[in-house]
Protein backbone atom coordinates (compact mmCIF):
# COMPACT_ATOMS: atom_id res chain seq x y z
CA MET A 1 6.73 -11.04 27.22
CA LYS A 2 7.30 -14.01 26.42
CA ILE A 3 6.86 -17.14 23.95
CA ARG A 4 7.31 -20.80 24.72
CA LEU A 5 7.70 -22.29 21.51
CA THR A 6 9.16 -25.71 20.06
CA GLU A 7 12.00 -25.86 18.48
CA GLU A 8 13.25 -28.80 16.29
CA ILE A 9 16.34 -29.62 14.79
CA TRP A 10 17.93 -32.22 12.59
CA LYS A 11 20.74 -33.21 9.72
CA GLU A 12 19.97 -32.49 6.44
CA GLY A 13 22.98 -33.12 3.92
CA ASN A 14 25.83 -31.35 5.83
CA MET A 15 23.45 -28.41 7.76
CA TYR A 16 21.44 -28.42 10.06
CA VAL A 17 18.23 -27.60 9.95
CA SER A 18 16.07 -25.88 12.84
CA TYR A 19 12.49 -24.75 12.60
CA CYS A 20 9.54 -23.79 14.73
CA PRO A 21 6.78 -25.26 14.11
CA GLU A 22 3.96 -23.01 16.12
CA LEU A 23 5.28 -20.23 13.68
CA ASP A 24 6.14 -21.84 10.95
CA ILE A 25 9.34 -20.20 11.02
CA SER A 26 12.73 -22.40 9.67
CA SER A 27 16.45 -21.64 9.70
CA CYS A 28 19.69 -23.46 8.94
CA GLY A 29 23.58 -23.54 9.56
CA GLU A 30 26.51 -25.53 9.35
CA ASP A 31 25.99 -26.35 13.30
CA VAL A 32 23.43 -26.96 15.76
CA GLN A 33 24.71 -23.54 18.35
CA GLN A 34 24.43 -21.83 14.65
CA ALA A 35 21.20 -23.24 13.48
CA LYS A 36 19.49 -22.68 17.13
CA LYS A 37 21.00 -19.19 16.35
CA ASN A 38 19.34 -18.21 13.18
CA LEU A 39 16.28 -19.64 14.14
CA LEU A 40 16.34 -17.98 16.92
CA GLU A 41 17.13 -14.56 15.00
CA ALA A 42 14.40 -14.98 12.39
CA ILE A 43 11.65 -15.86 15.12
CA THR A 44 13.07 -11.86 17.14
CA ILE A 45 12.59 -10.10 13.41
CA ASN A 46 9.00 -11.70 12.18
CA ILE A 47 7.75 -10.84 15.79
CA GLU A 48 9.09 -7.26 15.26
CA GLU A 49 7.91 -6.91 11.92
CA THR A 50 4.46 -7.71 12.80
CA LYS A 51 4.68 -5.81 15.89
CA LYS A 52 5.78 -2.08 13.45
CA SER A 53 2.86 -3.48 10.95
CA GLY A 54 0.18 -3.73 13.60
CA THR A 55 -0.94 -7.57 13.08
CA PHE A 56 1.36 -9.02 15.71
CA GLU A 57 -2.33 -9.90 17.77
CA GLN A 58 -3.46 -11.54 14.72
CA PHE A 59 0.41 -13.29 14.06
CA ILE A 60 0.01 -14.88 17.87
CA GLU A 61 -3.98 -15.62 16.99
CA ASP A 62 -3.17 -17.40 13.71
CA CYS A 63 -0.03 -19.81 15.14
CA GLY A 64 -2.82 -20.85 17.93
CA LEU A 65 -1.00 -19.61 20.61
CA GLU A 66 -2.54 -18.50 23.89
CA GLU A 67 -2.07 -16.30 27.13
CA ILE A 68 -1.81 -18.98 30.18
CA ASN A 69 -0.01 -15.80 32.13
CA SER A 70 0.01 -12.22 32.42
CA ASP A 71 3.32 -12.82 30.94
CA ILE A 72 3.91 -16.35 28.77
CA LEU A 73 2.20 -16.99 25.65
CA SER A 74 2.41 -21.06 24.60
CA ALA A 75 0.61 -23.30 22.62
CA ARG A 76 -2.75 -25.06 23.05
CA LYS A 77 -1.12 -27.93 22.99
CA GLU A 78 2.56 -28.84 24.10
CA LEU A 79 4.80 -31.20 23.12
CA VAL A 80 5.70 -34.35 25.46
CA GLY A 81 8.09 -36.61 22.71
CA PHE A 82 9.58 -37.13 19.60
CA THR A 83 10.81 -41.05 18.16
CA PRO A 84 11.64 -42.01 15.07
CA ILE A 85 9.31 -44.48 13.88
CA GLU A 86 10.08 -46.94 11.08
CA VAL A 87 6.66 -48.52 9.43
CA SER A 88 6.11 -51.09 6.78
CA ALA A 89 5.04 -49.69 3.36
């Protein structure tokens, strides 16, 4: 089974932060590749632990994921753009 997720990465100081909004899981690294690798590891560990504890199905439901075909889970919404904007305050 595959899970289709969003990965956000931004620079914060001298570190890179990676975040998966669907699962509300984040990680970081000294470069983009390390941040991506660490996020994937954190997601994998979280999924494995929910499966071990028998809460995977509830976890998937709570995250708003649904089966889009027999082997892919995806969020009910899909990111179509991400653009920084400035607003006057």
